[in-house]
PDB file of N, CA and C in Angstrom:
ATOM      1  N   UNK A   1     -35.251  12.378  18.679  1.00  0.00           N
ATOM      2  CA  UNK A   1     -34.340  10.656  18.462  1.00  0.00           C
ATOM      3  C   UNK A   1     -34.117  10.082  19.183  1.00  0.00           C
ATOM      4  N   UNK A   2     -34.282   8.732  19.333  1.00  0.00           N
ATOM      5  CA  UNK A   2     -33.702   7.344  20.316  1.00  0.00           C
ATOM      6  C   UNK A   2     -32.987   6.437  19.703  1.00  0.00           C
ATOM      7  N   UNK A   3     -32.088   6.065  20.366  1.00  0.00           N
ATOM      8  CA  UNK A   3     -31.766   4.983  20.086  1.00  0.00           C
ATOM      9  C   UNK A   3     -31.990   4.048  21.474  1.00  0.00           C
ATOM     10  N   UNK A   4     -32.557   3.113  21.159  1.00  0.00           N
ATOM     11  CA  UNK A   4     -33.450   1.560  21.893  1.00  0.00           C
ATOM     12  C   UNK A   4     -31.698   0.926  21.942  1.00  0.00           C
ATOM     13  N   UNK A   5     -31.012   0.628  23.403  1.00  0.00           N
ATOM     14  CA  UNK A   5     -30.196  -0.166  24.050  1.00  0.00           C
ATOM     15  C   UNK A   5     -30.510  -0.452  25.201  1.00  0.00           C
ATOM     16  N   UNK A   6     -30.228  -2.131  25.419  1.00  0.00           N
ATOM     17  CA  UNK A   6     -30.419  -2.731  25.925  1.00  0.00           C
ATOM     18  C   UNK A   6     -31.939  -3.108  26.800  1.00  0.00           C
ATOM     19  N   UNK A   7     -32.503  -2.291  26.132  1.00  0.00           N
ATOM     20  CA  UNK A   7     -34.260  -2.061  26.631  1.00  0.00           C
ATOM     21  C   UNK A   7     -34.533  -0.890  27.204  1.00  0.00           C
ATOM     22  N   UNK A   8     -33.504   0.345  26.903  1.00  0.00           N
ATOM     23  CA  UNK A   8     -33.885   1.415  27.546  1.00  0.00           C
ATOM     24  C   UNK A   8     -33.492   2.508  26.252  1.00  0.00           C
ATOM     25  N   UNK A   9     -34.255   3.682  26.024  1.00  0.00           N
ATOM     26  CA  UNK A   9     -34.336   4.262  25.370  1.00  0.00           C
ATOM     27  C   UNK A   9     -33.194   5.624  25.597  1.00  0.00           C
ATOM     28  N   UNK A  10     -32.237   5.674  24.653  1.00  0.00           N
ATOM     29  CA  UNK A  10     -31.013   6.783  24.604  1.00  0.00           C
ATOM     30  C   UNK A  10     -31.445   7.729  24.031  1.00  0.00           C
ATOM     31  N   UNK A  11     -31.544   9.066  24.571  1.00  0.00           N
ATOM     32  CA  UNK A  11     -32.041  10.216  24.027  1.00  0.00           C
ATOM     33  C   UNK A  11     -30.392  10.219  22.633  1.00  0.00           C
ATOM     34  N   UNK A  12     -30.731  11.170  21.369  1.00  0.00           N
ATOM     35  CA  UNK A  12     -30.211  11.201  20.941  1.00  0.00           C
ATOM     36  C   UNK A  12     -30.648  12.637  20.074  1.00  0.00           C
ATOM     37  N   UNK A  13     -29.630  13.684  19.349  1.00  0.00           N
ATOM     38  CA  UNK A  13     -30.208  14.909  18.795  1.00  0.00           C
ATOM     39  C   UNK A  13     -30.636  14.375  17.819  1.00  0.00           C
ATOM     40  N   UNK A  14     -30.850  15.222  16.126  1.00  0.00           N
ATOM     41  CA  UNK A  14     -31.724  14.863  15.368  1.00  0.00           C
ATOM     42  C   UNK A  14     -30.163  14.534  14.435  1.00  0.00           C
ATOM     43  N   UNK A  15     -28.873  14.652  14.931  1.00  0.00           N
ATOM     44  CA  UNK A  15     -28.126  14.314  13.737  1.00  0.00           C
ATOM     45  C   UNK A  15     -27.589  13.030  14.721  1.00  0.00           C
ATOM     46  N   UNK A  16     -27.871  12.561  15.555  1.00  0.00           N
ATOM     47  CA  UNK A  16     -27.530  11.051  15.846  1.00  0.00           C
ATOM     48  C   UNK A  16     -26.850  10.946  16.912  1.00  0.00           C
ATOM     49  N   UNK A  17     -26.249  12.408  17.928  1.00  0.00           N
ATOM     50  CA  UNK A  17     -25.281  12.525  18.524  1.00  0.00           C
ATOM     51  C   UNK A  17     -25.697  12.351  19.740  1.00  0.00           C
ATOM     52  N   UNK A  18     -24.899  11.742  20.961  1.00  0.00           N
ATOM     53  CA  UNK A  18     -26.425  11.750  22.293  1.00  0.00           C
ATOM     54  C   UNK A  18     -26.257  13.012  23.345  1.00  0.00           C
ATOM     55  N   UNK A  19     -27.701  13.279  23.985  1.00  0.00           N
ATOM     56  CA  UNK A  19     -28.004  14.487  24.408  1.00  0.00           C
ATOM     57  C   UNK A  19     -27.200  14.382  25.965  1.00  0.00           C
ATOM     58  N   UNK A  20     -26.538  12.892  26.358  1.00  0.00           N
ATOM     59  CA  UNK A  20     -25.847  13.022  27.589  1.00  0.00           C
ATOM     60  C   UNK A  20     -24.191  11.989  27.412  1.00  0.00           C
ATOM     61  N   UNK A  21     -23.876  12.732  27.377  1.00  0.00           N
ATOM     62  CA  UNK A  21     -22.256  11.578  27.083  1.00  0.00           C
ATOM     63  C   UNK A  21     -22.192  10.842  28.512  1.00  0.00           C
ATOM     64  N   UNK A  22     -22.748  10.528  29.665  1.00  0.00           N
ATOM     65  CA  UNK A  22     -23.337   9.669  30.697  1.00  0.00           C
ATOM     66  C   UNK A  22     -23.822   8.682  30.285  1.00  0.00           C
ATOM     67  N   UNK A  23     -24.106   8.621  28.820  1.00  0.00           N
ATOM     68  CA  UNK A  23     -25.486   7.335  28.561  1.00  0.00           C
ATOM     69  C   UNK A  23     -24.614   6.243  27.804  1.00  0.00           C
ATOM     70  N   UNK A  24     -23.242   7.016  27.331  1.00  0.00           N
ATOM     71  CA  UNK A  24     -22.232   5.986  26.583  1.00  0.00           C
ATOM     72  C   UNK A  24     -21.477   5.121  27.372  1.00  0.00           C
ATOM     73  N   UNK A  25     -21.128   3.739  26.825  1.00  0.00           N
ATOM     74  CA  UNK A  25     -20.997   2.681  26.880  1.00  0.00           C
ATOM     75  C   UNK A  25     -20.598   1.699  25.556  1.00  0.00           C
ATOM     76  N   UNK A  26     -19.189   1.018  26.098  1.00  0.00           N
ATOM     77  CA  UNK A  26     -18.758   0.126  24.987  1.00  0.00           C
ATOM     78  C   UNK A  26     -20.054  -0.182  23.991  1.00  0.00           C
ATOM     79  N   UNK A  27     -20.646  -0.604  24.813  1.00  0.00           N
ATOM     80  CA  UNK A  27     -21.641  -1.665  24.075  1.00  0.00           C
ATOM     81  C   UNK A  27     -22.825  -1.057  22.976  1.00  0.00           C
ATOM     82  N   UNK A  28     -23.018   0.650  23.659  1.00  0.00           N
ATOM     83  CA  UNK A  28     -23.733   1.373  22.844  1.00  0.00           C
ATOM     84  C   UNK A  28     -22.903   1.289  21.991  1.00  0.00           C
ATOM     85  N   UNK A  29     -21.264   2.157  21.807  1.00  0.00           N
ATOM     86  CA  UNK A  29     -20.860   2.488  20.557  1.00  0.00           C
ATOM     87  C   UNK A  29     -20.589   1.272  19.360  1.00  0.00           C
ATOM     88  N   UNK A  30     -20.329  -0.064  20.514  1.00  0.00           N
ATOM     89  CA  UNK A  30     -20.753  -0.793  19.353  1.00  0.00           C
ATOM     90  C   UNK A  30     -22.027  -0.816  18.374  1.00  0.00           C
ATOM     91  N   UNK A  31     -22.961  -0.883  19.196  1.00  0.00           N
ATOM     92  CA  UNK A  31     -24.324  -0.784  18.160  1.00  0.00           C
ATOM     93  C   UNK A  31     -25.025   0.147  17.617  1.00  0.00           C
ATOM     94  N   UNK A  32     -24.034   1.515  17.893  1.00  0.00           N
ATOM     95  CA  UNK A  32     -24.237   2.377  16.645  1.00  0.00           C
ATOM     96  C   UNK A  32     -22.792   2.373  15.523  1.00  0.00           C
ATOM     97  N   UNK A  33     -21.965   1.551  16.016  1.00  0.00           N
ATOM     98  CA  UNK A  33     -21.390   1.226  14.896  1.00  0.00           C
ATOM     99  C   UNK A  33     -21.876   0.915  13.692  1.00  0.00           C
ATOM    100  N   UNK A  34     -22.010  -0.809  14.870  1.00  0.00           N
ATOM    101  CA  UNK A  34     -23.025  -1.740  13.871  1.00  0.00           C
ATOM    102  C   UNK A  34     -24.222  -1.406  12.570  1.00  0.00           C
ATOM    103  N   UNK A  35     -24.417  -0.183  13.278  1.00  0.00           N
ATOM    104  CA  UNK A  35     -25.887   0.134  12.498  1.00  0.00           C
ATOM    105  C   UNK A  35     -25.415   1.156  11.967  1.00  0.00           C
ATOM    106  N   UNK A  36     -24.415   1.573  11.420  1.00  0.00           N
ATOM    107  CA  UNK A  36     -23.595   2.682  10.428  1.00  0.00           C
ATOM    108  C   UNK A  36     -22.974   1.624   9.599  1.00  0.00           C
ATOM    109  N   UNK A  37     -22.750   0.467  10.011  1.00  0.00           N
ATOM    110  CA  UNK A  37     -22.186  -0.376   9.094  1.00  0.00           C
ATOM    111  C   UNK A  37     -20.444  -0.640   9.267  1.00  0.00           C
ATOM    112  N   UNK A  38     -20.155  -0.238  10.341  1.00  0.00           N
ATOM    113  CA  UNK A  38     -19.105  -0.405  10.916  1.00  0.00           C
ATOM    114  C   UNK A  38     -18.323  -1.597  11.871  1.00  0.00           C
ATOM    115  N   UNK A  39     -17.924  -2.605  11.735  1.00  0.00           N
ATOM    116  CA  UNK A  39     -17.453  -3.216  12.820  1.00  0.00           C
ATOM    117  C   UNK A  39     -15.949  -2.764  13.725  1.00  0.00           C
ATOM    118  N   UNK A  40     -16.167  -2.523  14.646  1.00  0.00           N
ATOM    119  CA  UNK A  40     -14.720  -1.720  15.472  1.00  0.00           C
ATOM    120  C   UNK A  40     -13.383  -2.760  15.657  1.00  0.00           C
ATOM    121  N   UNK A  41     -12.539  -2.488  15.441  1.00  0.00           N
ATOM    122  CA  UNK A  41     -11.661  -2.942  15.415  1.00  0.00           C
ATOM    123  C   UNK A  41     -10.630  -2.277  16.318  1.00  0.00           C
ATOM    124  N   UNK A  42      -8.827  -2.520  17.063  1.00  0.00           N
ATOM    125  CA  UNK A  42      -8.637  -1.813  18.042  1.00  0.00           C
ATOM    126  C   UNK A  42      -8.302  -0.653  17.336  1.00  0.00           C
ATOM    127  N   UNK A  43      -8.069  -0.475  16.021  1.00  0.00           N
ATOM    128  CA  UNK A  43      -7.503   1.088  15.559  1.00  0.00           C
ATOM    129  C   UNK A  43      -8.619   1.634  15.935  1.00  0.00           C
ATOM    130  N   UNK A  44      -9.677   1.400  15.877  1.00  0.00           N
ATOM    131  CA  UNK A  44     -11.156   2.094  15.678  1.00  0.00           C
ATOM    132  C   UNK A  44     -11.509   2.485  17.183  1.00  0.00           C
ATOM    133  N   UNK A  45     -10.959   1.505  18.544  1.00  0.00           N
ATOM    134  CA  UNK A  45     -11.053   1.987  19.908  1.00  0.00           C
ATOM    135  C   UNK A  45      -9.789   2.823  20.325  1.00  0.00           C
ATOM    136  N   UNK A  46      -9.112   2.538  19.464  1.00  0.00           N
ATOM    137  CA  UNK A  46      -8.035   4.154  19.763  1.00  0.00           C
ATOM    138  C   UNK A  46      -8.094   5.383  19.537  1.00  0.00           C
ATOM    139  N   UNK A  47      -8.883   5.821  18.271  1.00  0.00           N
ATOM    140  CA  UNK A  47      -9.329   6.651  18.030  1.00  0.00           C
ATOM    141  C   UNK A  47     -10.461   7.126  18.585  1.00  0.00           C
ATOM    142  N   UNK A  48     -11.483   6.314  19.360  1.00  0.00           N
ATOM    143  CA  UNK A  48     -12.624   6.683  19.882  1.00  0.00           C
ATOM    144  C   UNK A  48     -11.801   7.016  21.307  1.00  0.00           C
ATOM    145  N   UNK A  49     -11.118   5.950  21.648  1.00  0.00           N
ATOM    146  CA  UNK A  49     -10.732   6.282  23.032  1.00  0.00           C
ATOM    147  C   UNK A  49      -9.951   7.893  23.483  1.00  0.00           C
ATOM    148  N   UNK A  50      -9.106   8.173  22.672  1.00  0.00           N
ATOM    149  CA  UNK A  50      -8.608   9.438  22.242  1.00  0.00           C
ATOM    150  C   UNK A  50      -9.686  10.649  22.184  1.00  0.00           C
ATOM    151  N   UNK A  51     -10.257  10.392  21.478  1.00  0.00           N
ATOM    152  CA  UNK A  51     -11.160  11.269  21.232  1.00  0.00           C
ATOM    153  C   UNK A  51     -12.100  11.379  22.722  1.00  0.00           C
ATOM    154  N   UNK A  52     -12.438  10.358  23.347  1.00  0.00           N
ATOM    155  CA  UNK A  52     -13.184  10.746  24.822  1.00  0.00           C
ATOM    156  C   UNK A  52     -12.213  11.399  25.576  1.00  0.00           C
ATOM    157  N   UNK A  53     -11.029  11.195  25.645  1.00  0.00           N
ATOM    158  CA  UNK A  53      -9.801  11.543  26.449  1.00  0.00           C
ATOM    159  C   UNK A  53      -9.846  12.842  26.365  1.00  0.00           C
ATOM    160  N   UNK A  54      -9.882  12.931  24.872  1.00  0.00           N
ATOM    161  CA  UNK A  54      -9.482  14.912  24.613  1.00  0.00           C
ATOM    162  C   UNK A  54     -10.715  15.772  25.057  1.00  0.00           C
ATOM    163  N   UNK A  55     -11.584  15.030  24.840  1.00  0.00           N
ATOM    164  CA  UNK A  55     -12.774  16.068  25.361  1.00  0.00           C
ATOM    165  C   UNK A  55     -13.481  15.761  26.726  1.00  0.00           C
ATOM    166  N   UNK A  56     -13.194  14.767  27.285  1.00  0.00           N
ATOM    167  CA  UNK A  56     -13.066  14.907  29.104  1.00  0.00           C
ATOM    168  C   UNK A  56     -12.291  15.354  29.837  1.00  0.00           C
ATOM    169  N   UNK A  57     -10.964  14.930  29.813  1.00  0.00           N
ATOM    170  CA  UNK A  57      -9.759  15.291  30.048  1.00  0.00           C
ATOM    171  C   UNK A  57      -8.971  16.974  29.533  1.00  0.00           C
ATOM    172  N   UNK A  58      -9.740  17.860  28.716  1.00  0.00           N
ATOM    173  CA  UNK A  58      -9.345  18.668  27.683  1.00  0.00           C
ATOM    174  C   UNK A  58     -10.043  19.966  27.322  1.00  0.00           C
ATOM    175  N   UNK A  59     -10.838  19.953  28.398  1.00  0.00           N
ATOM    176  CA  UNK A  59     -11.970  20.920  28.403  1.00  0.00           C
ATOM    177  C   UNK A  59     -12.850  20.950  27.331  1.00  0.00           C
ATOM    178  N   UNK A  60     -13.691  19.955  26.802  1.00  0.00           N
ATOM    179  CA  UNK A  60     -14.760  19.648  25.930  1.00  0.00           C
ATOM    180  C   UNK A  60     -13.959  20.015  24.366  1.00  0.00           C
ATOM    181  N   UNK A  61     -12.697  19.820  24.310  1.00  0.00           N
ATOM    182  CA  UNK A  61     -12.234  19.689  23.112  1.00  0.00           C
ATOM    183  C   UNK A  61     -11.920  18.649  22.452  1.00  0.00           C
ATOM    184  N   UNK A  62     -13.048  18.933  20.744  1.00  0.00           N
ATOM    185  CA  UNK A  62     -13.030  17.917  19.679  1.00  0.00           C
ATOM    186  C   UNK A  62     -12.212  17.874  18.583  1.00  0.00           C
ATOM    187  N   UNK A  63     -11.179  17.273  18.496  1.00  0.00           N
ATOM    188  CA  UNK A  63      -9.825  17.155  17.942  1.00  0.00           C
ATOM    189  C   UNK A  63     -10.474  17.124  16.503  1.00  0.00           C
ATOM    190  N   UNK A  64      -9.605  17.964  15.557  1.00  0.00           N
ATOM    191  CA  UNK A  64     -10.104  17.687  14.167  1.00  0.00           C
ATOM    192  C   UNK A  64      -9.300  16.716  13.314  1.00  0.00           C
ATOM    193  N   UNK A  65      -9.401  16.488  12.228  1.00  0.00           N
ATOM    194  CA  UNK A  65      -8.919  15.101  11.308  1.00  0.00           C
ATOM    195  C   UNK A  65      -7.324  15.480  11.292  1.00  0.00           C
ATOM    196  N   UNK A  66      -6.824  16.729  10.851  1.00  0.00           N
ATOM    197  CA  UNK A  66      -4.968  17.166  11.083  1.00  0.00           C
ATOM    198  C   UNK A  66      -4.822  16.780  12.457  1.00  0.00           C
ATOM    199  N   UNK A  67      -5.021  17.178  13.682  1.00  0.00           N
ATOM    200  CA  UNK A  67      -4.996  16.948  14.837  1.00  0.00           C
ATOM    201  C   UNK A  67      -4.956  15.295  15.002  1.00  0.00           C
ATOM    202  N   UNK A  68      -6.185  14.110  14.783  1.00  0.00           N
ATOM    203  CA  UNK A  68      -6.012  13.099  14.744  1.00  0.00           C
ATOM    204  C   UNK A  68      -4.586  12.013  14.194  1.00  0.00           C
ATOM    205  N   UNK A  69      -4.736  13.171  12.717  1.00  0.00           N
ATOM    206  CA  UNK A  69      -3.590  12.405  12.054  1.00  0.00           C
ATOM    207  C   UNK A  69      -2.300  12.044  12.911  1.00  0.00           C
ATOM    208  N   UNK A  70      -1.861  13.529  13.265  1.00  0.00           N
ATOM    209  CA  UNK A  70      -0.576  13.508  14.207  1.00  0.00           C
ATOM    210  C   UNK A  70      -0.729  12.429  15.128  1.00  0.00           C
ATOM    211  N   UNK A  71      -1.718  12.733  16.505  1.00  0.00           N
ATOM    212  CA  UNK A  71      -1.855  11.884  16.928  1.00  0.00           C
ATOM    213  C   UNK A  71      -1.673  10.518  17.364  1.00  0.00           C
ATOM    214  N   UNK A  72      -2.965   9.595  16.223  1.00  0.00           N
ATOM    215  CA  UNK A  72      -2.621   8.790  15.822  1.00  0.00           C
ATOM    216  C   UNK A  72      -1.524   7.916  15.395  1.00  0.00           C
ATOM    217  N   UNK A  73      -1.215   8.751  14.229  1.00  0.00           N
ATOM    218  CA  UNK A  73       0.593   8.299  13.718  1.00  0.00           C
ATOM    219  C   UNK A  73       1.571   8.251  14.923  1.00  0.00           C
ATOM    220  N   UNK A  74       1.409   8.701  15.876  1.00  0.00           N
ATOM    221  CA  UNK A  74       1.915   8.578  17.330  1.00  0.00           C
ATOM    222  C   UNK A  74       1.632   7.348  18.024  1.00  0.00           C
ATOM    223  N   UNK A  75       0.677   7.233  18.335  1.00  0.00           N
ATOM    224  CA  UNK A  75      -0.003   6.116  19.247  1.00  0.00           C
ATOM    225  C   UNK A  75       0.496   4.745  18.623  1.00  0.00           C
ATOM    226  N   UNK A  76       0.184   4.736  16.791  1.00  0.00           N
ATOM    227  CA  UNK A  76       0.227   3.585  16.037  1.00  0.00           C
ATOM    228  C   UNK A  76       1.852   3.504  15.763  1.00  0.00           C
ATOM    229  N   UNK A  77       2.608   4.143  16.369  1.00  0.00           N
ATOM    230  CA  UNK A  77       4.087   4.328  15.742  1.00  0.00           C
ATOM    231  C   UNK A  77       4.421   4.377  14.713  1.00  0.00           C
ATOM    232  N   UNK A  78       3.811   5.016  13.773  1.00  0.00           N
ATOM    233  CA  UNK A  78       4.036   4.768  12.053  1.00  0.00           C
ATOM    234  C   UNK A  78       2.977   6.633  11.803  1.00  0.00           C
ATOM    235  N   UNK A  79       3.859   6.734  10.711  1.00  0.00           N
ATOM    236  CA  UNK A  79       3.385   7.517   9.963  1.00  0.00           C
ATOM    237  C   UNK A  79       2.039   7.392   9.043  1.00  0.00           C
ATOM    238  N   UNK A  80       0.674   7.766   9.271  1.00  0.00           N
ATOM    239  CA  UNK A  80      -0.748   7.758   8.411  1.00  0.00           C
ATOM    240  C   UNK A  80      -0.847   8.948   8.031  1.00  0.00           C
ATOM    241  N   UNK A  81      -1.957   8.897   6.782  1.00  0.00           N
ATOM    242  CA  UNK A  81      -2.394   9.926   6.199  1.00  0.00           C
ATOM    243  C   UNK A  81      -3.973  10.056   6.867  1.00  0.00           C
ATOM    244  N   UNK A  82      -4.623  11.024   6.500  1.00  0.00           N
ATOM    245  CA  UNK A  82      -5.888  11.087   6.617  1.00  0.00           C
ATOM    246  C   UNK A  82      -6.881   9.979   5.924  1.00  0.00           C
ATOM    247  N   UNK A  83      -5.936   9.274   4.755  1.00  0.00           N
ATOM    248  CA  UNK A  83      -6.945   8.226   3.947  1.00  0.00           C
ATOM    249  C   UNK A  83      -7.162   7.302   5.452  1.00  0.00           C
ATOM    250  N   UNK A  84      -5.994   6.581   6.283  1.00  0.00           N
ATOM    251  CA  UNK A  84      -5.932   6.002   6.908  1.00  0.00           C
ATOM    252  C   UNK A  84      -7.070   5.658   8.039  1.00  0.00           C
ATOM    253  N   UNK A  85      -7.360   7.352   8.473  1.00  0.00           N
ATOM    254  CA  UNK A  85      -8.512   7.710   9.642  1.00  0.00           C
ATOM    255  C   UNK A  85     -10.032   7.552   8.183  1.00  0.00           C
ATOM    256  N   UNK A  86      -9.706   7.791   7.287  1.00  0.00           N
ATOM    257  CA  UNK A  86     -11.105   7.684   6.769  1.00  0.00           C
ATOM    258  C   UNK A  86     -11.533   5.866   6.165  1.00  0.00           C
ATOM    259  N   UNK A  87     -10.532   4.986   5.963  1.00  0.00           N
ATOM    260  CA  UNK A  87     -10.969   4.006   5.831  1.00  0.00           C
ATOM    261  C   UNK A  87     -11.348   3.181   7.413  1.00  0.00           C
ATOM    262  N   UNK A  88     -11.251   3.713   8.225  1.00  0.00           N
ATOM    263  CA  UNK A  88     -11.827   3.444   9.647  1.00  0.00           C
ATOM    264  C   UNK A  88     -13.308   4.140  10.064  1.00  0.00           C
ATOM    265  N   UNK A  89     -13.162   5.218   9.645  1.00  0.00           N
ATOM    266  CA  UNK A  89     -14.657   5.900   9.904  1.00  0.00           C
ATOM    267  C   UNK A  89     -15.053   6.877   8.356  1.00  0.00           C
ATOM    268  N   UNK A  90     -15.605   6.618   7.322  1.00  0.00           N
ATOM    269  CA  UNK A  90     -15.492   7.110   6.478  1.00  0.00           C
ATOM    270  C   UNK A  90     -16.318   7.822   6.049  1.00  0.00           C
ATOM    271  N   UNK A  91     -17.400   8.661   7.608  1.00  0.00           N
ATOM    272  CA  UNK A  91     -18.369   9.678   7.496  1.00  0.00           C
ATOM    273  C   UNK A  91     -17.741  11.148   8.114  1.00  0.00           C
ATOM    274  N   UNK A  92     -16.206  10.610   7.757  1.00  0.00           N
ATOM    275  CA  UNK A  92     -15.463  11.468   9.041  1.00  0.00           C
ATOM    276  C   UNK A  92     -14.959  11.404  10.550  1.00  0.00           C
ATOM    277  N   UNK A  93     -13.253  11.160   9.979  1.00  0.00           N
ATOM    278  CA  UNK A  93     -13.077  10.385  11.412  1.00  0.00           C
ATOM    279  C   UNK A  93     -13.480  11.477  12.582  1.00  0.00           C
ATOM    280  N   UNK A  94     -13.384  12.768  12.559  1.00  0.00           N
ATOM    281  CA  UNK A  94     -13.486  13.358  13.788  1.00  0.00           C
ATOM    282  C   UNK A  94     -14.865  13.773  13.988  1.00  0.00           C
ATOM    283  N   UNK A  95     -15.978  13.625  13.190  1.00  0.00           N
ATOM    284  CA  UNK A  95     -17.620  14.020  13.397  1.00  0.00           C
ATOM    285  C   UNK A  95     -18.018  11.953  13.522  1.00  0.00           C
ATOM    286  N   UNK A  96     -18.119  11.523  13.082  1.00  0.00           N
ATOM    287  CA  UNK A  96     -18.284   9.760  12.845  1.00  0.00           C
ATOM    288  C   UNK A  96     -17.733   9.026  14.538  1.00  0.00           C
ATOM    289  N   UNK A  97     -16.088   9.320  14.135  1.00  0.00           N
ATOM    290  CA  UNK A  97     -16.256   8.863  15.598  1.00  0.00           C
ATOM    291  C   UNK A  97     -16.452   9.281  16.514  1.00  0.00           C
ATOM    292  N   UNK A  98     -16.627  10.551  16.658  1.00  0.00           N
ATOM    293  CA  UNK A  98     -17.292  11.261  17.717  1.00  0.00           C
ATOM    294  C   UNK A  98     -18.378  11.288  18.084  1.00  0.00           C
ATOM    295  N   UNK A  99     -19.501  10.740  17.588  1.00  0.00           N
ATOM    296  CA  UNK A  99     -20.843  10.566  17.636  1.00  0.00           C
ATOM    297  C   UNK A  99     -20.469   9.374  17.960  1.00  0.00           C
ATOM    298  N   UNK A 100     -19.725   8.029  17.679  1.00  0.00           N
ATOM    299  CA  UNK A 100     -19.857   7.035  18.030  1.00  0.00           C
ATOM    300  C   UNK A 100     -19.101   6.587  19.449  1.00  0.00           C
ATOM    301  N   UNK A 101     -18.699   7.745  19.941  1.00  0.00           N
ATOM    302  CA  UNK A 101     -17.637   7.937  21.225  1.00  0.00           C
ATOM    303  C   UNK A 101     -18.685   8.433  22.184  1.00  0.00           C
ATOM    304  N   UNK A 102     -19.546   8.740  21.579  1.00  0.00           N
ATOM    305  CA  UNK A 102     -20.832   9.332  22.649  1.00  0.00           C
ATOM    306  C   UNK A 102     -20.423  10.858  23.182  1.00  0.00           C
ATOM    307  N   UNK A 103     -19.494  11.562  22.013  1.00  0.00           N
ATOM    308  CA  UNK A 103     -19.735  12.725  21.936  1.00  0.00           C
ATOM    309  C   UNK A 103     -20.388  14.046  21.581  1.00  0.00           C
ATOM    310  N   UNK A 104     -20.996  15.291  21.871  1.00  0.00           N
ATOM    311  CA  UNK A 104     -21.503  16.089  21.290  1.00  0.00           C
ATOM    312  C   UNK A 104     -20.751  16.428  20.495  1.00  0.00           C
ATOM    313  N   UNK A 105     -21.904  17.007  19.518  1.00  0.00           N
ATOM    314  CA  UNK A 105     -21.312  17.416  18.069  1.00  0.00           C
ATOM    315  C   UNK A 105     -20.467  18.523  17.627  1.00  0.00           C
ATOM    316  N   UNK A 106     -19.583  18.154  17.833  1.00  0.00           N
ATOM    317  CA  UNK A 106     -18.626  19.425  17.328  1.00  0.00           C
ATOM    318  C   UNK A 106     -19.023  20.981  16.802  1.00  0.00           C
ATOM    319  N   UNK A 107     -19.095  22.351  16.867  1.00  0.00           N
ATOM    320  CA  UNK A 107     -19.682  23.022  16.464  1.00  0.00           C
ATOM    321  C   UNK A 107     -18.021  24.356  15.875  1.00  0.00           C
ATOM    322  N   UNK A 108     -16.925  23.598  15.768  1.00  0.00           N
ATOM    323  CA  UNK A 108     -15.651  24.407  15.758  1.00  0.00           C
ATOM    324  C   UNK A 108     -15.749  24.592  14.188  1.00  0.00           C
ATOM    325  N   UNK A 109     -15.046  25.658  14.038  1.00  0.00           N
ATOM    326  CA  UNK A 109     -14.897  26.023  12.595  1.00  0.00           C
ATOM    327  C   UNK A 109     -13.410  25.784  12.301  1.00  0.00           C
ATOM    328  N   UNK A 110     -12.691  24.524  11.966  1.00  0.00           N
ATOM    329  CA  UNK A 110     -11.177  24.824  11.721  1.00  0.00           C
ATOM    330  C   UNK A 110     -10.127  24.789  12.661  1.00  0.00           C
ATOM    331  N   UNK A 111      -9.386  24.863  13.356  1.00  0.00           N
ATOM    332  CA  UNK A 111      -8.225  24.785  13.861  1.00  0.00           C
ATOM    333  C   UNK A 111      -8.393  23.609  15.153  1.00  0.00           C
ATOM    334  N   UNK A 112      -8.374  23.656  16.479  1.00  0.00           N
ATOM    335  CA  UNK A 112      -8.094  22.385  16.973  1.00  0.00           C
ATOM    336  C   UNK A 112      -9.471  21.802  17.389  1.00  0.00           C
TER     337      UNK A 112
END
């Protein structure tokens, strides 16, 4: 599969994740989100940037939804629940958010 972005074909896996994390850009993220019916807000970007930071600077870690609730609550300065994150990314905050963030598909089973 591939995504056409700015006249260039960007390779993706059959499930829509980028093959090369270096192909990612904010513009591409916006296009992917739009194709999934999402309009990215500041809170979306907070989560996307957190996911990218954790993956790039923390040994390829993809935080699960429980970890995202804790971290986003801290960033946003209020207690949140899973519903808050699913309102942003209805197809799963860690998976849909990770796909839009240009990260590889998570293979984890539970845990971090």
